[in-house]
């Protein structure tokens, strides 16, 4: 029987590229190290924010290896790595799970295939995840993100059914549905099955509903601020935590309005001195001129708080 990942804050790291779209290894390492120093529990490599769908199989392995090496050589061996291993076939997902173990990951996170959404009945979804989880050499987490899976949205009954598998240990809910999260946590506590919020705007709401924490994009920019909220929650200082939660909700929304993945890279470059905002097509690179206006101002406020911690 596999065990769920430790509770806490996990970051689906953005992956930095050079202008020619090759890996910017120095920037990737600098980013992973800054997040670890910010106190995060773990790193998710080749998630949606890491542009997994834009990477070759060899690049996926390299991205995991770079992250693990960076953490280990800097004294952060305790920081967990979860590897995104979703693919459009069970066969390919199984290969990616095996690759992830060899490259140094501790867990895998797998999306539901979505090329033929009409074929993805409840039985097909259950069969896919059970098959891949059975063959995965690492503990397996189910990734629910309707935005990138043609609207496929796994309901709590499907996830609970999957949680009975001995190697399926958790889920990431990027749907942001607190009702679904609470149904899962009330049936399976986080010590048995890690239900993690998938967006910062419901981090505290999820914790109060029994979640194991979150896997969220915004900690790419403000990891310390998320850890501050998490520590306040654990200390029972809910009113103080809620004040930070209000800011994170604004920041989550602002990041999406500015341009998502590229905006995160641009802000890291501007404020922390590494990397450039390049993304692989069809995503669009955010220009410096676009980093302005009320959404940018809100993120500047959050970053100022981050730097004060």
C-alpha atoms as a PDB file:
ATOM      1  CA  UNK A   1       0.000   0.000   0.000  1.00  0.00           C
ATOM      2  CA  UNK A   2       1.457   3.360  -1.074  1.00  0.00           C
ATOM      3  CA  UNK A   3       1.281   6.438   1.134  1.00  0.00           C
ATOM      4  CA  UNK A   4       0.072   9.956   0.239  1.00  0.00           C
ATOM      5  CA  UNK A   5       2.520  12.848  -0.038  1.00  0.00           C
ATOM      6  CA  UNK A   6       3.068  14.980   3.062  1.00  0.00           C
ATOM      7  CA  UNK A   7       0.570  17.807   3.548  1.00  0.00           C
ATOM      8  CA  UNK A   8       1.644  21.315   2.588  1.00  0.00           C
ATOM      9  CA  UNK A   9       2.189  23.688  -0.299  1.00  0.00           C
ATOM     10  CA  UNK A  10       3.330  22.365  -3.677  1.00  0.00           C
ATOM     11  CA  UNK A  11       4.348  24.467  -6.670  1.00  0.00           C
ATOM     12  CA  UNK A  12       3.786  23.421 -10.298  1.00  0.00           C
ATOM     13  CA  UNK A  13       6.946  25.121 -11.487  1.00  0.00           C
ATOM     14  CA  UNK A  14       7.150  27.117 -14.681  1.00  0.00           C
ATOM     15  CA  UNK A  15       9.931  25.981 -16.995  1.00  0.00           C
ATOM     16  CA  UNK A  16      12.256  28.653 -18.323  1.00  0.00           C
ATOM     17  CA  UNK A  17      13.344  28.691 -21.962  1.00  0.00           C
ATOM     18  CA  UNK A  18      15.870  30.641 -23.974  1.00  0.00           C
ATOM     19  CA  UNK A  19      14.678  32.658 -26.953  1.00  0.00           C
ATOM     20  CA  UNK A  20      15.346  29.637 -29.207  1.00  0.00           C
ATOM     21  CA  UNK A  21      13.079  27.551 -26.889  1.00  0.00           C
ATOM     22  CA  UNK A  22      15.906  25.414 -25.498  1.00  0.00           C
ATOM     23  CA  UNK A  23      15.943  24.911 -21.724  1.00  0.00           C
ATOM     24  CA  UNK A  24      17.432  27.814 -19.751  1.00  0.00           C
ATOM     25  CA  UNK A  25      19.013  25.488 -17.213  1.00  0.00           C
ATOM     26  CA  UNK A  26      20.500  28.227 -15.022  1.00  0.00           C
ATOM     27  CA  UNK A  27      17.116  29.932 -14.703  1.00  0.00           C
ATOM     28  CA  UNK A  28      15.328  26.626 -14.037  1.00  0.00           C
ATOM     29  CA  UNK A  29      17.763  25.821 -11.234  1.00  0.00           C
ATOM     30  CA  UNK A  30      17.534  29.345  -9.761  1.00  0.00           C
ATOM     31  CA  UNK A  31      13.751  29.133  -9.695  1.00  0.00           C
ATOM     32  CA  UNK A  32      13.617  25.711  -8.037  1.00  0.00           C
ATOM     33  CA  UNK A  33      16.140  26.850  -5.439  1.00  0.00           C
ATOM     34  CA  UNK A  34      14.219  30.054  -4.628  1.00  0.00           C
ATOM     35  CA  UNK A  35      11.035  28.064  -4.075  1.00  0.00           C
ATOM     36  CA  UNK A  36      12.807  25.579  -1.816  1.00  0.00           C
ATOM     37  CA  UNK A  37      14.298  28.422   0.206  1.00  0.00           C
ATOM     38  CA  UNK A  38      10.780  29.826   0.434  1.00  0.00           C
ATOM     39  CA  UNK A  39       9.803  26.738   2.412  1.00  0.00           C
ATOM     40  CA  UNK A  40       7.510  24.896   0.010  1.00  0.00           C
ATOM     41  CA  UNK A  41       6.747  21.263   0.710  1.00  0.00           C
ATOM     42  CA  UNK A  42       7.259  20.088  -2.825  1.00  0.00           C
ATOM     43  CA  UNK A  43       7.765  20.824  -6.498  1.00  0.00           C
ATOM     44  CA  UNK A  44       5.546  19.619  -9.338  1.00  0.00           C
ATOM     45  CA  UNK A  45       7.581  19.235 -12.516  1.00  0.00           C
ATOM     46  CA  UNK A  46       5.952  19.160 -15.979  1.00  0.00           C
ATOM     47  CA  UNK A  47       2.506  20.096 -14.774  1.00  0.00           C
ATOM     48  CA  UNK A  48       0.308  22.377 -16.857  1.00  0.00           C
ATOM     49  CA  UNK A  49       2.303  25.420 -15.736  1.00  0.00           C
ATOM     50  CA  UNK A  50       5.478  23.574 -16.713  1.00  0.00           C
ATOM     51  CA  UNK A  51       4.208  23.262 -20.309  1.00  0.00           C
ATOM     52  CA  UNK A  52       4.350  19.469 -20.149  1.00  0.00           C
ATOM     53  CA  UNK A  53       2.395  19.144 -23.374  1.00  0.00           C
ATOM     54  CA  UNK A  54       5.134  21.083 -25.173  1.00  0.00           C
ATOM     55  CA  UNK A  55       7.952  18.783 -24.066  1.00  0.00           C
ATOM     56  CA  UNK A  56       9.454  15.686 -25.648  1.00  0.00           C
ATOM     57  CA  UNK A  57       9.827  12.552 -23.561  1.00  0.00           C
ATOM     58  CA  UNK A  58      13.550  13.196 -23.141  1.00  0.00           C
ATOM     59  CA  UNK A  59      12.905  16.794 -22.091  1.00  0.00           C
ATOM     60  CA  UNK A  60      10.430  15.607 -19.463  1.00  0.00           C
ATOM     61  CA  UNK A  61      13.087  13.365 -17.937  1.00  0.00           C
ATOM     62  CA  UNK A  62      15.630  16.177 -18.062  1.00  0.00           C
ATOM     63  CA  UNK A  63      13.293  18.619 -16.311  1.00  0.00           C
ATOM     64  CA  UNK A  64      12.769  16.208 -13.412  1.00  0.00           C
ATOM     65  CA  UNK A  65      16.499  15.468 -13.153  1.00  0.00           C
ATOM     66  CA  UNK A  66      17.420  19.159 -13.081  1.00  0.00           C
ATOM     67  CA  UNK A  67      14.944  19.815 -10.267  1.00  0.00           C
ATOM     68  CA  UNK A  68      16.043  16.830  -8.190  1.00  0.00           C
ATOM     69  CA  UNK A  69      19.737  17.600  -8.649  1.00  0.00           C
ATOM     70  CA  UNK A  70      19.217  21.245  -7.726  1.00  0.00           C
ATOM     71  CA  UNK A  71      17.374  20.351  -4.541  1.00  0.00           C
ATOM     72  CA  UNK A  72      19.793  17.630  -3.478  1.00  0.00           C
ATOM     73  CA  UNK A  73      22.979  19.597  -4.051  1.00  0.00           C
ATOM     74  CA  UNK A  74      21.556  22.523  -2.054  1.00  0.00           C
ATOM     75  CA  UNK A  75      20.496  20.527   1.004  1.00  0.00           C
ATOM     76  CA  UNK A  76      16.799  20.225   0.173  1.00  0.00           C
ATOM     77  CA  UNK A  77      16.592  16.457  -0.091  1.00  0.00           C
ATOM     78  CA  UNK A  78      13.335  16.574   1.903  1.00  0.00           C
ATOM     79  CA  UNK A  79      11.521  18.628  -0.756  1.00  0.00           C
ATOM     80  CA  UNK A  80       9.185  16.268  -2.621  1.00  0.00           C
ATOM     81  CA  UNK A  81       9.034  16.076  -6.415  1.00  0.00           C
ATOM     82  CA  UNK A  82       5.757  15.161  -8.092  1.00  0.00           C
ATOM     83  CA  UNK A  83       6.003  14.560 -11.839  1.00  0.00           C
ATOM     84  CA  UNK A  84       3.196  15.220 -14.277  1.00  0.00           C
ATOM     85  CA  UNK A  85       2.833  12.038 -16.344  1.00  0.00           C
ATOM     86  CA  UNK A  86      -0.388  12.536 -18.233  1.00  0.00           C
ATOM     87  CA  UNK A  87      -0.581  11.486 -21.883  1.00  0.00           C
ATOM     88  CA  UNK A  88      -3.272  10.646 -24.400  1.00  0.00           C
ATOM     89  CA  UNK A  89      -2.785   6.894 -24.083  1.00  0.00           C
ATOM     90  CA  UNK A  90      -2.341   4.564 -21.141  1.00  0.00           C
ATOM     91  CA  UNK A  91       0.749   3.122 -22.826  1.00  0.00           C
ATOM     92  CA  UNK A  92       2.516   6.488 -22.990  1.00  0.00           C
ATOM     93  CA  UNK A  93       1.496   7.443 -19.445  1.00  0.00           C
ATOM     94  CA  UNK A  94       3.000   4.198 -18.157  1.00  0.00           C
ATOM     95  CA  UNK A  95       6.285   5.010 -19.893  1.00  0.00           C
ATOM     96  CA  UNK A  96       6.294   8.512 -18.408  1.00  0.00           C
ATOM     97  CA  UNK A  97       5.682   7.130 -14.917  1.00  0.00           C
ATOM     98  CA  UNK A  98       8.652   4.788 -15.282  1.00  0.00           C
ATOM     99  CA  UNK A  99      10.772   7.656 -16.599  1.00  0.00           C
ATOM    100  CA  UNK A 100       9.758   9.825 -13.629  1.00  0.00           C
ATOM    101  CA  UNK A 101      11.054   7.293 -11.125  1.00  0.00           C
ATOM    102  CA  UNK A 102      14.352   6.992 -12.953  1.00  0.00           C
ATOM    103  CA  UNK A 103      14.752  10.769 -13.045  1.00  0.00           C
ATOM    104  CA  UNK A 104      14.184  11.224  -9.311  1.00  0.00           C
ATOM    105  CA  UNK A 105      10.493  11.974  -8.733  1.00  0.00           C
ATOM    106  CA  UNK A 106       8.653  10.644  -5.685  1.00  0.00           C
ATOM    107  CA  UNK A 107       5.071  10.732  -6.989  1.00  0.00           C
ATOM    108  CA  UNK A 108       3.243  11.014 -10.303  1.00  0.00           C
ATOM    109  CA  UNK A 109       0.259  13.196 -11.217  1.00  0.00           C
ATOM    110  CA  UNK A 110      -1.847  12.068 -14.168  1.00  0.00           C
ATOM    111  CA  UNK A 111      -4.508  13.872 -16.213  1.00  0.00           C
ATOM    112  CA  UNK A 112      -7.420  12.060 -17.833  1.00  0.00           C
ATOM    113  CA  UNK A 113      -6.963  11.686 -21.637  1.00  0.00           C
ATOM    114  CA  UNK A 114      -9.210  14.036 -23.576  1.00  0.00           C
ATOM    115  CA  UNK A 115      -8.707  13.729 -27.336  1.00  0.00           C
ATOM    116  CA  UNK A 116     -12.022  11.855 -27.547  1.00  0.00           C
ATOM    117  CA  UNK A 117     -13.996  13.269 -24.597  1.00  0.00           C
ATOM    118  CA  UNK A 118     -17.200  11.593 -25.756  1.00  0.00           C
ATOM    119  CA  UNK A 119     -15.524   8.206 -25.299  1.00  0.00           C
ATOM    120  CA  UNK A 120     -14.414   8.988 -21.759  1.00  0.00           C
ATOM    121  CA  UNK A 121     -17.306   7.441 -19.882  1.00  0.00           C
ATOM    122  CA  UNK A 122     -17.105   6.797 -16.151  1.00  0.00           C
ATOM    123  CA  UNK A 123     -16.010   3.224 -16.836  1.00  0.00           C
ATOM    124  CA  UNK A 124     -13.342   4.370 -19.316  1.00  0.00           C
ATOM    125  CA  UNK A 125     -11.965   6.930 -16.857  1.00  0.00           C
ATOM    126  CA  UNK A 126     -11.824   4.386 -14.037  1.00  0.00           C
ATOM    127  CA  UNK A 127     -10.164   1.814 -16.304  1.00  0.00           C
ATOM    128  CA  UNK A 128      -7.518   4.257 -17.546  1.00  0.00           C
ATOM    129  CA  UNK A 129      -6.399   5.476 -14.125  1.00  0.00           C
ATOM    130  CA  UNK A 130      -6.470   2.020 -12.555  1.00  0.00           C
ATOM    131  CA  UNK A 131      -4.407   0.592 -15.405  1.00  0.00           C
ATOM    132  CA  UNK A 132      -1.731   3.276 -15.287  1.00  0.00           C
ATOM    133  CA  UNK A 133      -1.643   3.320 -11.473  1.00  0.00           C
ATOM    134  CA  UNK A 134      -1.168  -0.443 -11.371  1.00  0.00           C
ATOM    135  CA  UNK A 135       1.873  -0.166 -13.615  1.00  0.00           C
ATOM    136  CA  UNK A 136       3.310   3.002 -12.044  1.00  0.00           C
ATOM    137  CA  UNK A 137       6.433   2.381  -9.934  1.00  0.00           C
ATOM    138  CA  UNK A 138       5.587   5.540  -7.966  1.00  0.00           C
ATOM    139  CA  UNK A 139       2.537   6.493  -5.877  1.00  0.00           C
ATOM    140  CA  UNK A 140      -0.120   7.913  -8.178  1.00  0.00           C
ATOM    141  CA  UNK A 141      -2.269  11.046  -7.975  1.00  0.00           C
ATOM    142  CA  UNK A 142      -5.308  11.855 -10.115  1.00  0.00           C
ATOM    143  CA  UNK A 143      -5.249  15.303 -11.720  1.00  0.00           C
ATOM    144  CA  UNK A 144      -8.622  16.942 -12.374  1.00  0.00           C
ATOM    145  CA  UNK A 145      -8.314  20.046 -14.576  1.00  0.00           C
ATOM    146  CA  UNK A 146     -11.329  20.466 -16.889  1.00  0.00           C
ATOM    147  CA  UNK A 147      -9.787  23.482 -18.650  1.00  0.00           C
ATOM    148  CA  UNK A 148      -7.067  21.341 -20.261  1.00  0.00           C
ATOM    149  CA  UNK A 149      -9.058  18.115 -20.679  1.00  0.00           C
ATOM    150  CA  UNK A 150     -11.811  19.299 -23.047  1.00  0.00           C
ATOM    151  CA  UNK A 151     -14.153  19.958 -20.142  1.00  0.00           C
ATOM    152  CA  UNK A 152     -13.876  16.499 -18.559  1.00  0.00           C
ATOM    153  CA  UNK A 153     -14.555  17.091 -14.878  1.00  0.00           C
ATOM    154  CA  UNK A 154     -14.164  14.129 -12.560  1.00  0.00           C
ATOM    155  CA  UNK A 155     -16.890  14.017  -9.939  1.00  0.00           C
ATOM    156  CA  UNK A 156     -16.206  13.058  -6.344  1.00  0.00           C
ATOM    157  CA  UNK A 157     -17.738   9.606  -6.751  1.00  0.00           C
ATOM    158  CA  UNK A 158     -15.242   8.742  -9.516  1.00  0.00           C
ATOM    159  CA  UNK A 159     -12.286  10.011  -7.478  1.00  0.00           C
ATOM    160  CA  UNK A 160     -13.459   8.142  -4.374  1.00  0.00           C
ATOM    161  CA  UNK A 161     -13.785   4.975  -6.406  1.00  0.00           C
ATOM    162  CA  UNK A 162     -10.230   5.450  -7.658  1.00  0.00           C
ATOM    163  CA  UNK A 163      -8.988   6.125  -4.114  1.00  0.00           C
ATOM    164  CA  UNK A 164      -9.635   2.440  -3.304  1.00  0.00           C
ATOM    165  CA  UNK A 165      -6.726   1.457  -5.563  1.00  0.00           C
ATOM    166  CA  UNK A 166      -3.659   0.645  -3.405  1.00  0.00           C
ATOM    167  CA  UNK A 167      -1.344   2.878  -5.454  1.00  0.00           C
ATOM    168  CA  UNK A 168      -3.676   5.892  -5.892  1.00  0.00           C
ATOM    169  CA  UNK A 169      -2.868   8.218  -3.000  1.00  0.00           C
ATOM    170  CA  UNK A 170      -4.319  11.635  -3.811  1.00  0.00           C
ATOM    171  CA  UNK A 171      -5.800  14.151  -6.197  1.00  0.00           C
ATOM    172  CA  UNK A 172      -5.286  17.714  -7.369  1.00  0.00           C
ATOM    173  CA  UNK A 173      -8.523  19.634  -7.933  1.00  0.00           C
ATOM    174  CA  UNK A 174      -7.834  22.463 -10.358  1.00  0.00           C
ATOM    175  CA  UNK A 175     -11.584  22.707 -10.832  1.00  0.00           C
ATOM    176  CA  UNK A 176     -11.546  24.767  -7.612  1.00  0.00           C
ATOM    177  CA  UNK A 177     -14.756  23.124  -6.380  1.00  0.00           C
ATOM    178  CA  UNK A 178     -14.813  23.306  -2.574  1.00  0.00           C
ATOM    179  CA  UNK A 179     -17.959  21.184  -2.362  1.00  0.00           C
ATOM    180  CA  UNK A 180     -16.192  18.387  -4.229  1.00  0.00           C
ATOM    181  CA  UNK A 181     -13.088  18.796  -2.093  1.00  0.00           C
ATOM    182  CA  UNK A 182     -15.138  18.585   1.108  1.00  0.00           C
ATOM    183  CA  UNK A 183     -16.984  15.489  -0.078  1.00  0.00           C
ATOM    184  CA  UNK A 184     -13.630  13.810  -0.653  1.00  0.00           C
ATOM    185  CA  UNK A 185     -12.025  14.863   2.631  1.00  0.00           C
ATOM    186  CA  UNK A 186     -15.081  13.894   4.669  1.00  0.00           C
ATOM    187  CA  UNK A 187     -14.928  10.412   3.149  1.00  0.00           C
ATOM    188  CA  UNK A 188     -11.135  10.000   3.120  1.00  0.00           C
ATOM    189  CA  UNK A 189      -8.960  12.055   5.521  1.00  0.00           C
ATOM    190  CA  UNK A 190      -5.687  13.461   4.184  1.00  0.00           C
ATOM    191  CA  UNK A 191      -3.706  10.877   6.145  1.00  0.00           C
ATOM    192  CA  UNK A 192      -5.252   8.235   3.855  1.00  0.00           C
ATOM    193  CA  UNK A 193      -5.787  10.156   0.616  1.00  0.00           C
ATOM    194  CA  UNK A 194      -4.324  13.595  -0.128  1.00  0.00           C
ATOM    195  CA  UNK A 195      -6.947  15.918  -1.585  1.00  0.00           C
ATOM    196  CA  UNK A 196      -5.191  19.116  -2.662  1.00  0.00           C
ATOM    197  CA  UNK A 197      -6.737  22.348  -3.876  1.00  0.00           C
ATOM    198  CA  UNK A 198      -5.475  23.293  -7.330  1.00  0.00           C
ATOM    199  CA  UNK A 199      -5.683  27.084  -7.069  1.00  0.00           C
ATOM    200  CA  UNK A 200      -4.529  29.585  -4.447  1.00  0.00           C
ATOM    201  CA  UNK A 201      -7.867  31.376  -4.372  1.00  0.00           C
ATOM    202  CA  UNK A 202      -9.355  28.492  -2.354  1.00  0.00           C
ATOM    203  CA  UNK A 203      -6.267  27.522  -0.311  1.00  0.00           C
ATOM    204  CA  UNK A 204      -7.623  28.403   3.131  1.00  0.00           C
ATOM    205  CA  UNK A 205     -11.158  27.335   2.256  1.00  0.00           C
ATOM    206  CA  UNK A 206      -9.745  23.943   1.323  1.00  0.00           C
ATOM    207  CA  UNK A 207      -7.677  23.639   4.499  1.00  0.00           C
ATOM    208  CA  UNK A 208     -10.722  24.450   6.606  1.00  0.00           C
ATOM    209  CA  UNK A 209     -12.527  21.694   4.706  1.00  0.00           C
ATOM    210  CA  UNK A 210      -9.833  19.141   5.478  1.00  0.00           C
ATOM    211  CA  UNK A 211      -7.541  19.362   2.452  1.00  0.00           C
ATOM    212  CA  UNK A 212      -3.899  18.314   2.542  1.00  0.00           C
ATOM    213  CA  UNK A 213      -2.883  21.736   1.197  1.00  0.00           C
ATOM    214  CA  UNK A 214      -2.556  22.877  -2.385  1.00  0.00           C
ATOM    215  CA  UNK A 215      -0.736  22.492  -5.668  1.00  0.00           C
ATOM    216  CA  UNK A 216      -1.052  25.994  -7.067  1.00  0.00           C
ATOM    217  CA  UNK A 217       0.613  28.270  -9.614  1.00  0.00           C
ATOM    218  CA  UNK A 218       0.804  31.485  -7.578  1.00  0.00           C
ATOM    219  CA  UNK A 219       3.548  30.184  -5.216  1.00  0.00           C
ATOM    220  CA  UNK A 220       5.844  30.409  -8.265  1.00  0.00           C
ATOM    221  CA  UNK A 221       5.801  34.128  -7.432  1.00  0.00           C
ATOM    222  CA  UNK A 222       5.103  34.281  -3.680  1.00  0.00           C
ATOM    223  CA  UNK A 223       6.029  30.982  -1.966  1.00  0.00           C
ATOM    224  CA  UNK A 224       6.747  32.533   1.445  1.00  0.00           C
ATOM    225  CA  UNK A 225       3.355  34.209   1.544  1.00  0.00           C
ATOM    226  CA  UNK A 226       1.633  30.874   0.958  1.00  0.00           C
ATOM    227  CA  UNK A 227       3.716  29.226   3.657  1.00  0.00           C
ATOM    228  CA  UNK A 228       2.856  32.090   6.018  1.00  0.00           C
ATOM    229  CA  UNK A 229      -0.845  31.420   5.494  1.00  0.00           C
ATOM    230  CA  UNK A 230      -0.295  27.702   5.984  1.00  0.00           C
ATOM    231  CA  UNK A 231       1.554  28.229   9.267  1.00  0.00           C
ATOM    232  CA  UNK A 232      -1.128  30.630  10.530  1.00  0.00           C
ATOM    233  CA  UNK A 233      -3.765  28.013   9.709  1.00  0.00           C
ATOM    234  CA  UNK A 234      -1.864  25.314  11.589  1.00  0.00           C
ATOM    235  CA  UNK A 235      -1.507  27.678  14.571  1.00  0.00           C
ATOM    236  CA  UNK A 236      -5.264  28.264  14.610  1.00  0.00           C
ATOM    237  CA  UNK A 237      -4.913  31.947  13.673  1.00  0.00           C
ATOM    238  CA  UNK A 238      -7.687  31.818  11.122  1.00  0.00           C
ATOM    239  CA  UNK A 239      -8.538  35.543  11.072  1.00  0.00           C
ATOM    240  CA  UNK A 240      -4.941  36.409  10.215  1.00  0.00           C
ATOM    241  CA  UNK A 241      -4.786  33.642   7.630  1.00  0.00           C
ATOM    242  CA  UNK A 242      -7.998  34.895   6.022  1.00  0.00           C
ATOM    243  CA  UNK A 243      -6.450  38.333   5.474  1.00  0.00           C
ATOM    244  CA  UNK A 244      -3.649  36.734   3.452  1.00  0.00           C
ATOM    245  CA  UNK A 245      -6.167  34.501   1.678  1.00  0.00           C
ATOM    246  CA  UNK A 246      -8.021  37.570   0.416  1.00  0.00           C
ATOM    247  CA  UNK A 247      -4.802  38.833  -1.160  1.00  0.00           C
ATOM    248  CA  UNK A 248      -3.974  35.465  -2.704  1.00  0.00           C
ATOM    249  CA  UNK A 249      -7.423  35.305  -4.274  1.00  0.00           C
ATOM    250  CA  UNK A 250      -6.804  38.672  -5.903  1.00  0.00           C
ATOM    251  CA  UNK A 251      -3.323  37.570  -6.998  1.00  0.00           C
ATOM    252  CA  UNK A 252      -4.545  34.327  -8.547  1.00  0.00           C
ATOM    253  CA  UNK A 253      -7.069  36.220 -10.654  1.00  0.00           C
ATOM    254  CA  UNK A 254      -4.558  38.937 -11.576  1.00  0.00           C
ATOM    255  CA  UNK A 255      -2.013  36.403 -12.820  1.00  0.00           C
ATOM    256  CA  UNK A 256      -4.535  34.836 -15.164  1.00  0.00           C
ATOM    257  CA  UNK A 257      -5.568  38.237 -16.509  1.00  0.00           C
ATOM    258  CA  UNK A 258      -1.954  39.246 -17.210  1.00  0.00           C
ATOM    259  CA  UNK A 259      -1.158  36.169 -19.271  1.00  0.00           C
ATOM    260  CA  UNK A 260      -0.760  33.151 -17.017  1.00  0.00           C
ATOM    261  CA  UNK A 261       2.435  31.146 -17.510  1.00  0.00           C
ATOM    262  CA  UNK A 262       4.380  33.807 -19.386  1.00  0.00           C
ATOM    263  CA  UNK A 263       3.319  36.469 -16.869  1.00  0.00           C
ATOM    264  CA  UNK A 264       4.646  34.339 -14.019  1.00  0.00           C
ATOM    265  CA  UNK A 265       7.989  34.045 -15.798  1.00  0.00           C
ATOM    266  CA  UNK A 266       8.064  37.768 -16.540  1.00  0.00           C
ATOM    267  CA  UNK A 267       7.436  38.636 -12.887  1.00  0.00           C
ATOM    268  CA  UNK A 268      10.147  36.224 -11.731  1.00  0.00           C
ATOM    269  CA  UNK A 269      12.567  37.811 -14.179  1.00  0.00           C
ATOM    270  CA  UNK A 270      11.680  41.347 -13.108  1.00  0.00           C
ATOM    271  CA  UNK A 271      11.765  40.811  -9.358  1.00  0.00           C
ATOM    272  CA  UNK A 272      14.108  37.907  -8.723  1.00  0.00           C
ATOM    273  CA  UNK A 273      16.681  38.316 -11.470  1.00  0.00           C
ATOM    274  CA  UNK A 274      16.569  35.126 -13.490  1.00  0.00           C
ATOM    275  CA  UNK A 275      14.914  33.848 -16.664  1.00  0.00           C
ATOM    276  CA  UNK A 276      12.863  35.390 -19.428  1.00  0.00           C
ATOM    277  CA  UNK A 277       9.128  35.133 -20.188  1.00  0.00           C
ATOM    278  CA  UNK A 278       9.536  32.921 -23.278  1.00  0.00           C
ATOM    279  CA  UNK A 279       6.953  30.161 -23.758  1.00  0.00           C
ATOM    280  CA  UNK A 280       6.508  27.603 -26.502  1.00  0.00           C
ATOM    281  CA  UNK A 281       3.797  28.151 -29.080  1.00  0.00           C
ATOM    282  CA  UNK A 282       0.883  28.328 -29.298  1.00  0.00           C
ATOM    283  CA  UNK A 283       1.210  30.165 -25.984  1.00  0.00           C
ATOM    284  CA  UNK A 284       2.024  33.858 -26.297  1.00  0.00           C
ATOM    285  CA  UNK A 285       4.962  35.564 -24.618  1.00  0.00           C
ATOM    286  CA  UNK A 286       4.012  38.506 -22.423  1.00  0.00           C
ATOM    287  CA  UNK A 287       5.975  41.675 -23.141  1.00  0.00           C
ATOM    288  CA  UNK A 288       7.377  44.019 -20.517  1.00  0.00           C
ATOM    289  CA  UNK A 289       4.969  46.700 -21.707  1.00  0.00           C
ATOM    290  CA  UNK A 290       2.024  44.471 -20.776  1.00  0.00           C
ATOM    291  CA  UNK A 291       3.129  44.319 -17.150  1.00  0.00           C
ATOM    292  CA  UNK A 292       1.114  47.343 -16.120  1.00  0.00           C
ATOM    293  CA  UNK A 293      -2.337  48.301 -14.918  1.00  0.00           C
ATOM    294  CA  UNK A 294      -4.429  47.287 -11.898  1.00  0.00           C
ATOM    295  CA  UNK A 295      -3.734  43.538 -12.142  1.00  0.00           C
ATOM    296  CA  UNK A 296      -0.001  44.161 -12.269  1.00  0.00           C
ATOM    297  CA  UNK A 297      -0.283  46.562  -9.328  1.00  0.00           C
ATOM    298  CA  UNK A 298      -2.023  43.890  -7.263  1.00  0.00           C
ATOM    299  CA  UNK A 299       0.798  41.428  -7.924  1.00  0.00           C
ATOM    300  CA  UNK A 300       3.399  44.075  -7.127  1.00  0.00           C
ATOM    301  CA  UNK A 301       1.713  44.442  -3.725  1.00  0.00           C
ATOM    302  CA  UNK A 302       1.949  40.715  -3.115  1.00  0.00           C
ATOM    303  CA  UNK A 303       5.599  40.586  -4.175  1.00  0.00           C
ATOM    304  CA  UNK A 304       6.432  43.452  -1.813  1.00  0.00           C
ATOM    305  CA  UNK A 305       4.906  41.417   1.023  1.00  0.00           C
ATOM    306  CA  UNK A 306       6.849  38.339  -0.110  1.00  0.00           C
ATOM    307  CA  UNK A 307      10.126  40.237   0.013  1.00  0.00           C
ATOM    308  CA  UNK A 308       9.356  41.458   3.537  1.00  0.00           C
ATOM    309  CA  UNK A 309       9.064  37.915   4.923  1.00  0.00           C
END
